[in-house]
């Protein structure tokens, strides 16, 4: 420091005789930081355990997905469902009842179902 005497008079607590006070404050701060460190370490351990658990779950789901039997494709891009192939229509509806792919138009499926119902009503 270029102006040592000014520094000692204005800023330096070491020369003012407050060493005991300053030391106590530092000890309290050190204890606080140690407690916070322990708390953070415990949180880190918990987070690592959660990561391991989720990784294991993801691996199990991936294995079950890979071991899933091959399911034939029911929709080939055309909506040619009539009373002669109502079974395929019902299988398509039941397979994608809760999770419909974006390439299937629900309105067109409804029209196919309505057509089958109308044929049934007419006695075809």
Foldseek 3Di string as FASTA:
>chain_A
DVPVVVCLVPPDPVNVPCPVVVVVVVVVVVVVVVVVVVVVVVVVVVVVVVVVVVVVVVVVVVVVVVPDDDDDDLDDLDLPAELVPVVSLVVLCVVCVPPDDPSDDPVSSVVRVVRNVVCVVVPD
